[in-house]
Amino acid sequence: MSKTLHAPEYRKLIEWLKSARIERGLTMRELAAELGVPHSYIGKIEQYERKLDVLEYIEYCKALKLEPYEGFIILAM
């Protein structure tokens, strides 16, 4: 079993989050400010250097005005 961080499904989920951030016109710094984290946190997630846990994922989705279940649908496809 490969590590989750390198799994194609995880990459698909992160690409979905990154696309949503870009579509909303948010920079990494702006999203980081919304989440109350350093901008490097966003960069590491988008570069697959840091994993999101479930609670972080939910907060990330809220900041992007996404429904967390949508990401799970993407994973199931």
PDB file of N, CA and C in Angstrom:
ATOM      1  N   MET A   1       0.849  -1.186   0.000  1.00  0.00           N
ATOM      2  CA  MET A   1       0.000   0.000   0.000  1.00  0.00           C
ATOM      3  C   MET A   1       0.890   1.244   0.000  1.00  0.00           C
ATOM      4  N   SER A   2       0.622   2.164  -0.924  1.00  0.00           N
ATOM      5  CA  SER A   2       1.427   3.381  -0.986  1.00  0.00           C
ATOM      6  C   SER A   2       0.943   4.385   0.059  1.00  0.00           C
ATOM      7  N   LYS A   3       1.826   5.309   0.368  1.00  0.00           N
ATOM      8  CA  LYS A   3       1.450   6.341   1.330  1.00  0.00           C
ATOM      9  C   LYS A   3       0.358   7.220   0.730  1.00  0.00           C
ATOM     10  N   THR A   4      -0.550   7.635   1.550  1.00  0.00           N
ATOM     11  CA  THR A   4      -1.683   8.446   1.111  1.00  0.00           C
ATOM     12  C   THR A   4      -1.243   9.694   0.366  1.00  0.00           C
ATOM     13  N   LEU A   5      -0.187  10.318   0.825  1.00  0.00           N
ATOM     14  CA  LEU A   5       0.294  11.565   0.240  1.00  0.00           C
ATOM     15  C   LEU A   5       0.605  11.414  -1.248  1.00  0.00           C
ATOM     16  N   HIS A   6       0.997  10.222  -1.663  1.00  0.00           N
ATOM     17  CA  HIS A   6       1.373   9.989  -3.053  1.00  0.00           C
ATOM     18  C   HIS A   6       0.305   9.232  -3.839  1.00  0.00           C
ATOM     19  N   ALA A   7      -0.800   8.946  -3.204  1.00  0.00           N
ATOM     20  CA  ALA A   7      -1.883   8.222  -3.877  1.00  0.00           C
ATOM     21  C   ALA A   7      -2.543   9.118  -4.920  1.00  0.00           C
ATOM     22  N   PRO A   8      -2.862   8.557  -6.087  1.00  0.00           N
ATOM     23  CA  PRO A   8      -3.525   9.355  -7.136  1.00  0.00           C
ATOM     24  C   PRO A   8      -4.834   9.989  -6.655  1.00  0.00           C
ATOM     25  N   GLU A   9      -5.556   9.293  -5.796  1.00  0.00           N
ATOM     26  CA  GLU A   9      -6.827   9.825  -5.287  1.00  0.00           C
ATOM     27  C   GLU A   9      -6.596  11.076  -4.440  1.00  0.00           C
ATOM     28  N   TYR A  10      -5.546  11.051  -3.616  1.00  0.00           N
ATOM     29  CA  TYR A  10      -5.238  12.213  -2.780  1.00  0.00           C
ATOM     30  C   TYR A  10      -4.851  13.401  -3.666  1.00  0.00           C
ATOM     31  N   ARG A  11      -4.067  13.142  -4.690  1.00  0.00           N
ATOM     32  CA  ARG A  11      -3.654  14.205  -5.605  1.00  0.00           C
ATOM     33  C   ARG A  11      -4.869  14.810  -6.318  1.00  0.00           C
ATOM     34  N   LYS A  12      -5.809  13.959  -6.674  1.00  0.00           N
ATOM     35  CA  LYS A  12      -7.040  14.420  -7.326  1.00  0.00           C
ATOM     36  C   LYS A  12      -7.816  15.365  -6.389  1.00  0.00           C
ATOM     37  N   LEU A  13      -7.883  15.005  -5.114  1.00  0.00           N
ATOM     38  CA  LEU A  13      -8.578  15.822  -4.122  1.00  0.00           C
ATOM     39  C   LEU A  13      -7.886  17.176  -3.955  1.00  0.00           C
ATOM     40  N   ILE A  14      -6.565  17.163  -3.860  1.00  0.00           N
ATOM     41  CA  ILE A  14      -5.819  18.410  -3.687  1.00  0.00           C
ATOM     42  C   ILE A  14      -5.935  19.285  -4.933  1.00  0.00           C
ATOM     43  N   GLU A  15      -5.917  18.687  -6.090  1.00  0.00           N
ATOM     44  CA  GLU A  15      -6.095  19.468  -7.329  1.00  0.00           C
ATOM     45  C   GLU A  15      -7.464  20.129  -7.355  1.00  0.00           C
ATOM     46  N   TRP A  16      -8.481  19.442  -6.859  1.00  0.00           N
ATOM     47  CA  TRP A  16      -9.823  20.013  -6.772  1.00  0.00           C
ATOM     48  C   TRP A  16      -9.828  21.236  -5.847  1.00  0.00           C
ATOM     49  N   LEU A  17      -9.166  21.108  -4.693  1.00  0.00           N
ATOM     50  CA  LEU A  17      -9.094  22.230  -3.754  1.00  0.00           C
ATOM     51  C   LEU A  17      -8.306  23.398  -4.343  1.00  0.00           C
ATOM     52  N   LYS A  18      -7.201  23.088  -4.985  1.00  0.00           N
ATOM     53  CA  LYS A  18      -6.372  24.132  -5.600  1.00  0.00           C
ATOM     54  C   LYS A  18      -7.154  24.851  -6.703  1.00  0.00           C
ATOM     55  N   SER A  19      -7.841  24.095  -7.539  1.00  0.00           N
ATOM     56  CA  SER A  19      -8.647  24.695  -8.616  1.00  0.00           C
ATOM     57  C   SER A  19      -9.722  25.607  -8.042  1.00  0.00           C
ATOM     58  N   ALA A  20     -10.349  25.182  -6.959  1.00  0.00           N
ATOM     59  CA  ALA A  20     -11.389  26.004  -6.320  1.00  0.00           C
ATOM     60  C   ALA A  20     -10.787  27.300  -5.796  1.00  0.00           C
ATOM     61  N   ARG A  21      -9.602  27.221  -5.210  1.00  0.00           N
ATOM     62  CA  ARG A  21      -8.939  28.432  -4.705  1.00  0.00           C
ATOM     63  C   ARG A  21      -8.671  29.401  -5.854  1.00  0.00           C
ATOM     64  N   ILE A  22      -8.139  28.889  -6.940  1.00  0.00           N
ATOM     65  CA  ILE A  22      -7.813  29.723  -8.093  1.00  0.00           C
ATOM     66  C   ILE A  22      -9.082  30.296  -8.727  1.00  0.00           C
ATOM     67  N   GLU A  23     -10.121  29.479  -8.871  1.00  0.00           N
ATOM     68  CA  GLU A  23     -11.390  29.947  -9.445  1.00  0.00           C
ATOM     69  C   GLU A  23     -12.008  31.067  -8.624  1.00  0.00           C
ATOM     70  N   ARG A  24     -11.790  31.045  -7.326  1.00  0.00           N
ATOM     71  CA  ARG A  24     -12.341  32.080  -6.452  1.00  0.00           C
ATOM     72  C   ARG A  24     -11.434  33.309  -6.388  1.00  0.00           C
ATOM     73  N   GLY A  25     -10.314  33.243  -7.114  1.00  0.00           N
ATOM     74  CA  GLY A  25      -9.415  34.393  -7.172  1.00  0.00           C
ATOM     75  C   GLY A  25      -8.613  34.602  -5.909  1.00  0.00           C
ATOM     76  N   LEU A  26      -8.438  33.553  -5.120  1.00  0.00           N
ATOM     77  CA  LEU A  26      -7.685  33.669  -3.875  1.00  0.00           C
ATOM     78  C   LEU A  26      -6.230  33.266  -4.084  1.00  0.00           C
ATOM     79  N   THR A  27      -5.336  34.045  -3.502  1.00  0.00           N
ATOM     80  CA  THR A  27      -3.932  33.647  -3.490  1.00  0.00           C
ATOM     81  C   THR A  27      -3.731  32.681  -2.325  1.00  0.00           C
ATOM     82  N   MET A  28      -2.571  32.048  -2.315  1.00  0.00           N
ATOM     83  CA  MET A  28      -2.264  31.167  -1.186  1.00  0.00           C
ATOM     84  C   MET A  28      -2.232  31.967   0.115  1.00  0.00           C
ATOM     85  N   ARG A  29      -1.706  33.170   0.044  1.00  0.00           N
ATOM     86  CA  ARG A  29      -1.640  34.026   1.245  1.00  0.00           C
ATOM     87  C   ARG A  29      -3.038  34.385   1.751  1.00  0.00           C
ATOM     88  N   GLU A  30      -3.945  34.684   0.837  1.00  0.00           N
ATOM     89  CA  GLU A  30      -5.310  35.046   1.242  1.00  0.00           C
ATOM     90  C   GLU A  30      -6.024  33.852   1.878  1.00  0.00           C
ATOM     91  N   LEU A  31      -5.869  32.679   1.285  1.00  0.00           N
ATOM     92  CA  LEU A  31      -6.490  31.487   1.870  1.00  0.00           C
ATOM     93  C   LEU A  31      -5.872  31.181   3.223  1.00  0.00           C
ATOM     94  N   ALA A  32      -4.554  31.314   3.309  1.00  0.00           N
ATOM     95  CA  ALA A  32      -3.871  31.071   4.581  1.00  0.00           C
ATOM     96  C   ALA A  32      -4.381  32.020   5.666  1.00  0.00           C
ATOM     97  N   ALA A  33      -4.575  33.285   5.310  1.00  0.00           N
ATOM     98  CA  ALA A  33      -5.095  34.261   6.274  1.00  0.00           C
ATOM     99  C   ALA A  33      -6.490  33.864   6.734  1.00  0.00           C
ATOM    100  N   GLU A  34      -7.313  33.399   5.796  1.00  0.00           N
ATOM    101  CA  GLU A  34      -8.672  32.948   6.131  1.00  0.00           C
ATOM    102  C   GLU A  34      -8.639  31.784   7.117  1.00  0.00           C
ATOM    103  N   LEU A  35      -7.660  30.899   6.936  1.00  0.00           N
ATOM    104  CA  LEU A  35      -7.539  29.717   7.801  1.00  0.00           C
ATOM    105  C   LEU A  35      -6.732  29.988   9.066  1.00  0.00           C
ATOM    106  N   GLY A  36      -6.045  31.116   9.112  1.00  0.00           N
ATOM    107  CA  GLY A  36      -5.216  31.438  10.270  1.00  0.00           C
ATOM    108  C   GLY A  36      -3.950  30.597  10.340  1.00  0.00           C
ATOM    109  N   VAL A  37      -3.370  30.320   9.165  1.00  0.00           N
ATOM    110  CA  VAL A  37      -2.147  29.516   9.093  1.00  0.00           C
ATOM    111  C   VAL A  37      -1.121  30.260   8.233  1.00  0.00           C
ATOM    112  N   PRO A  38       0.150  29.875   8.319  1.00  0.00           N
ATOM    113  CA  PRO A  38       1.146  30.499   7.440  1.00  0.00           C
ATOM    114  C   PRO A  38       0.893  30.126   5.977  1.00  0.00           C
ATOM    115  N   HIS A  39       1.269  30.989   5.048  1.00  0.00           N
ATOM    116  CA  HIS A  39       1.026  30.685   3.631  1.00  0.00           C
ATOM    117  C   HIS A  39       1.789  29.449   3.180  1.00  0.00           C
ATOM    118  N   SER A  40       2.883  29.139   3.859  1.00  0.00           N
ATOM    119  CA  SER A  40       3.657  27.945   3.496  1.00  0.00           C
ATOM    120  C   SER A  40       2.839  26.671   3.712  1.00  0.00           C
ATOM    121  N   TYR A  41       1.879  26.720   4.628  1.00  0.00           N
ATOM    122  CA  TYR A  41       0.980  25.584   4.880  1.00  0.00           C
ATOM    123  C   TYR A  41       0.205  25.242   3.605  1.00  0.00           C
ATOM    124  N   ILE A  42      -0.327  26.267   2.941  1.00  0.00           N
ATOM    125  CA  ILE A  42      -1.084  26.057   1.706  1.00  0.00           C
ATOM    126  C   ILE A  42      -0.161  25.532   0.615  1.00  0.00           C
ATOM    127  N   GLY A  43       1.010  26.146   0.498  1.00  0.00           N
ATOM    128  CA  GLY A  43       1.967  25.715  -0.514  1.00  0.00           C
ATOM    129  C   GLY A  43       2.370  24.261  -0.344  1.00  0.00           C
ATOM    130  N   LYS A  44       2.616  23.848   0.876  1.00  0.00           N
ATOM    131  CA  LYS A  44       3.021  22.458   1.134  1.00  0.00           C
ATOM    132  C   LYS A  44       1.900  21.482   0.807  1.00  0.00           C
ATOM    133  N   ILE A  45       0.681  21.871   1.081  1.00  0.00           N
ATOM    134  CA  ILE A  45      -0.461  21.009   0.741  1.00  0.00           C
ATOM    135  C   ILE A  45      -0.587  20.904  -0.770  1.00  0.00           C
ATOM    136  N   GLU A  46      -0.533  22.034  -1.459  1.00  0.00           N
ATOM    137  CA  GLU A  46      -0.706  22.032  -2.913  1.00  0.00           C
ATOM    138  C   GLU A  46       0.469  21.389  -3.648  1.00  0.00           C
ATOM    139  N   GLN A  47       1.608  21.263  -2.985  1.00  0.00           N
ATOM    140  CA  GLN A  47       2.772  20.613  -3.593  1.00  0.00           C
ATOM    141  C   GLN A  47       2.936  19.176  -3.084  1.00  0.00           C
ATOM    142  N   TYR A  48       1.935  18.683  -2.390  1.00  0.00           N
ATOM    143  CA  TYR A  48       1.912  17.302  -1.876  1.00  0.00           C
ATOM    144  C   TYR A  48       3.039  17.025  -0.892  1.00  0.00           C
ATOM    145  N   GLU A  49       3.411  18.036  -0.116  1.00  0.00           N
ATOM    146  CA  GLU A  49       4.446  17.862   0.897  1.00  0.00           C
ATOM    147  C   GLU A  49       3.847  17.714   2.286  1.00  0.00           C
ATOM    148  N   ARG A  50       2.566  18.047   2.415  1.00  0.00           N
ATOM    149  CA  ARG A  50       1.884  17.958   3.703  1.00  0.00           C
ATOM    150  C   ARG A  50       0.491  17.427   3.476  1.00  0.00           C
ATOM    151  N   LYS A  51       0.092  16.515   4.349  1.00  0.00           N
ATOM    152  CA  LYS A  51      -1.230  15.904   4.263  1.00  0.00           C
ATOM    153  C   LYS A  51      -2.239  16.677   5.098  1.00  0.00           C
ATOM    154  N   LEU A  52      -3.458  16.720   4.607  1.00  0.00           N
ATOM    155  CA  LEU A  52      -4.573  17.283   5.376  1.00  0.00           C
ATOM    156  C   LEU A  52      -5.234  16.163   6.162  1.00  0.00           C
ATOM    157  N   ASP A  53      -5.517  16.400   7.440  1.00  0.00           N
ATOM    158  CA  ASP A  53      -6.341  15.416   8.141  1.00  0.00           C
ATOM    159  C   ASP A  53      -7.804  15.791   7.904  1.00  0.00           C
ATOM    160  N   VAL A  54      -8.706  14.995   8.382  1.00  0.00           N
ATOM    161  CA  VAL A  54     -10.130  15.193   8.080  1.00  0.00           C
ATOM    162  C   VAL A  54     -10.645  16.540   8.583  1.00  0.00           C
ATOM    163  N   LEU A  55     -10.293  16.913   9.786  1.00  0.00           N
ATOM    164  CA  LEU A  55     -10.783  18.187  10.324  1.00  0.00           C
ATOM    165  C   LEU A  55     -10.185  19.374   9.563  1.00  0.00           C
ATOM    166  N   GLU A  56      -8.906  19.283   9.193  1.00  0.00           N
ATOM    167  CA  GLU A  56      -8.290  20.339   8.394  1.00  0.00           C
ATOM    168  C   GLU A  56      -8.972  20.431   7.028  1.00  0.00           C
ATOM    169  N   TYR A  57      -9.266  19.285   6.446  1.00  0.00           N
ATOM    170  CA  TYR A  57      -9.948  19.237   5.151  1.00  0.00           C
ATOM    171  C   TYR A  57     -11.294  19.968   5.222  1.00  0.00           C
ATOM    172  N   ILE A  58     -12.038  19.730   6.270  1.00  0.00           N
ATOM    173  CA  ILE A  58     -13.347  20.376   6.433  1.00  0.00           C
ATOM    174  C   ILE A  58     -13.176  21.893   6.546  1.00  0.00           C
ATOM    175  N   GLU A  59     -12.216  22.341   7.329  1.00  0.00           N
ATOM    176  CA  GLU A  59     -11.967  23.778   7.466  1.00  0.00           C
ATOM    177  C   GLU A  59     -11.515  24.393   6.137  1.00  0.00           C
ATOM    178  N   TYR A  60     -10.681  23.670   5.420  1.00  0.00           N
ATOM    179  CA  TYR A  60     -10.197  24.112   4.105  1.00  0.00           C
ATOM    180  C   TYR A  60     -11.389  24.296   3.166  1.00  0.00           C
ATOM    181  N   CYS A  61     -12.286  23.313   3.156  1.00  0.00           N
ATOM    182  CA  CYS A  61     -13.488  23.397   2.327  1.00  0.00           C
ATOM    183  C   CYS A  61     -14.357  24.583   2.719  1.00  0.00           C
ATOM    184  N   LYS A  62     -14.553  24.783   4.003  1.00  0.00           N
ATOM    185  CA  LYS A  62     -15.361  25.914   4.465  1.00  0.00           C
ATOM    186  C   LYS A  62     -14.776  27.241   3.986  1.00  0.00           C
ATOM    187  N   ALA A  63     -13.453  27.360   4.073  1.00  0.00           N
ATOM    188  CA  ALA A  63     -12.787  28.595   3.658  1.00  0.00           C
ATOM    189  C   ALA A  63     -12.971  28.840   2.158  1.00  0.00           C
ATOM    190  N   LEU A  64     -13.089  27.767   1.399  1.00  0.00           N
ATOM    191  CA  LEU A  64     -13.282  27.882  -0.051  1.00  0.00           C
ATOM    192  C   LEU A  64     -14.756  27.844  -0.453  1.00  0.00           C
ATOM    193  N   LYS A  65     -15.636  27.785   0.566  1.00  0.00           N
ATOM    194  CA  LYS A  65     -17.086  27.712   0.337  1.00  0.00           C
ATOM    195  C   LYS A  65     -17.459  26.479  -0.498  1.00  0.00           C
ATOM    196  N   LEU A  66     -16.839  25.369  -0.142  1.00  0.00           N
ATOM    197  CA  LEU A  66     -17.120  24.082  -0.768  1.00  0.00           C
ATOM    198  C   LEU A  66     -17.786  23.171   0.251  1.00  0.00           C
ATOM    199  N   GLU A  67     -18.564  22.239  -0.234  1.00  0.00           N
ATOM    200  CA  GLU A  67     -19.142  21.213   0.629  1.00  0.00           C
ATOM    201  C   GLU A  67     -18.150  20.053   0.689  1.00  0.00           C
ATOM    202  N   PRO A  68     -17.704  19.679   1.880  1.00  0.00           N
ATOM    203  CA  PRO A  68     -16.714  18.600   1.985  1.00  0.00           C
ATOM    204  C   PRO A  68     -17.127  17.302   1.287  1.00  0.00           C
ATOM    205  N   TYR A  69     -18.414  16.983   1.288  1.00  0.00           N
ATOM    206  CA  TYR A  69     -18.847  15.727   0.668  1.00  0.00           C
ATOM    207  C   TYR A  69     -18.553  15.705  -0.836  1.00  0.00           C
ATOM    208  N   GLU A  70     -18.476  16.890  -1.463  1.00  0.00           N
ATOM    209  CA  GLU A  70     -18.180  16.942  -2.893  1.00  0.00           C
ATOM    210  C   GLU A  70     -16.813  16.325  -3.203  1.00  0.00           C
ATOM    211  N   GLY A  71     -15.867  16.548  -2.317  1.00  0.00           N
ATOM    212  CA  GLY A  71     -14.539  15.963  -2.497  1.00  0.00           C
ATOM    213  C   GLY A  71     -14.577  14.453  -2.425  1.00  0.00           C
ATOM    214  N   PHE A  72     -15.433  13.917  -1.556  1.00  0.00           N
ATOM    215  CA  PHE A  72     -15.546  12.466  -1.446  1.00  0.00           C
ATOM    216  C   PHE A  72     -16.197  11.875  -2.696  1.00  0.00           C
ATOM    217  N   ILE A  73     -17.101  12.619  -3.297  1.00  0.00           N
ATOM    218  CA  ILE A  73     -17.706  12.169  -4.561  1.00  0.00           C
ATOM    219  C   ILE A  73     -16.635  12.104  -5.642  1.00  0.00           C
ATOM    220  N   ILE A  74     -15.784  13.117  -5.688  1.00  0.00           N
ATOM    221  CA  ILE A  74     -14.688  13.132  -6.655  1.00  0.00           C
ATOM    222  C   ILE A  74     -13.784  11.921  -6.446  1.00  0.00           C
ATOM    223  N   LEU A  75     -13.502  11.602  -5.204  1.00  0.00           N
ATOM    224  CA  LEU A  75     -12.645  10.449  -4.907  1.00  0.00           C
ATOM    225  C   LEU A  75     -13.277   9.134  -5.346  1.00  0.00           C
ATOM    226  N   ALA A  76     -14.583   9.059  -5.276  1.00  0.00           N
ATOM    227  CA  ALA A  76     -15.282   7.818  -5.612  1.00  0.00           C
ATOM    228  C   ALA A  76     -15.381   7.599  -7.121  1.00  0.00           C
ATOM    229  N   MET A  77     -15.148   8.629  -7.911  1.00  0.00           N
ATOM    230  CA  MET A  77     -15.272   8.512  -9.374  1.00  0.00           C
ATOM    231  C   MET A  77     -14.072   7.803  -9.976  1.00  0.00           C
TER     232      MET A  77
END
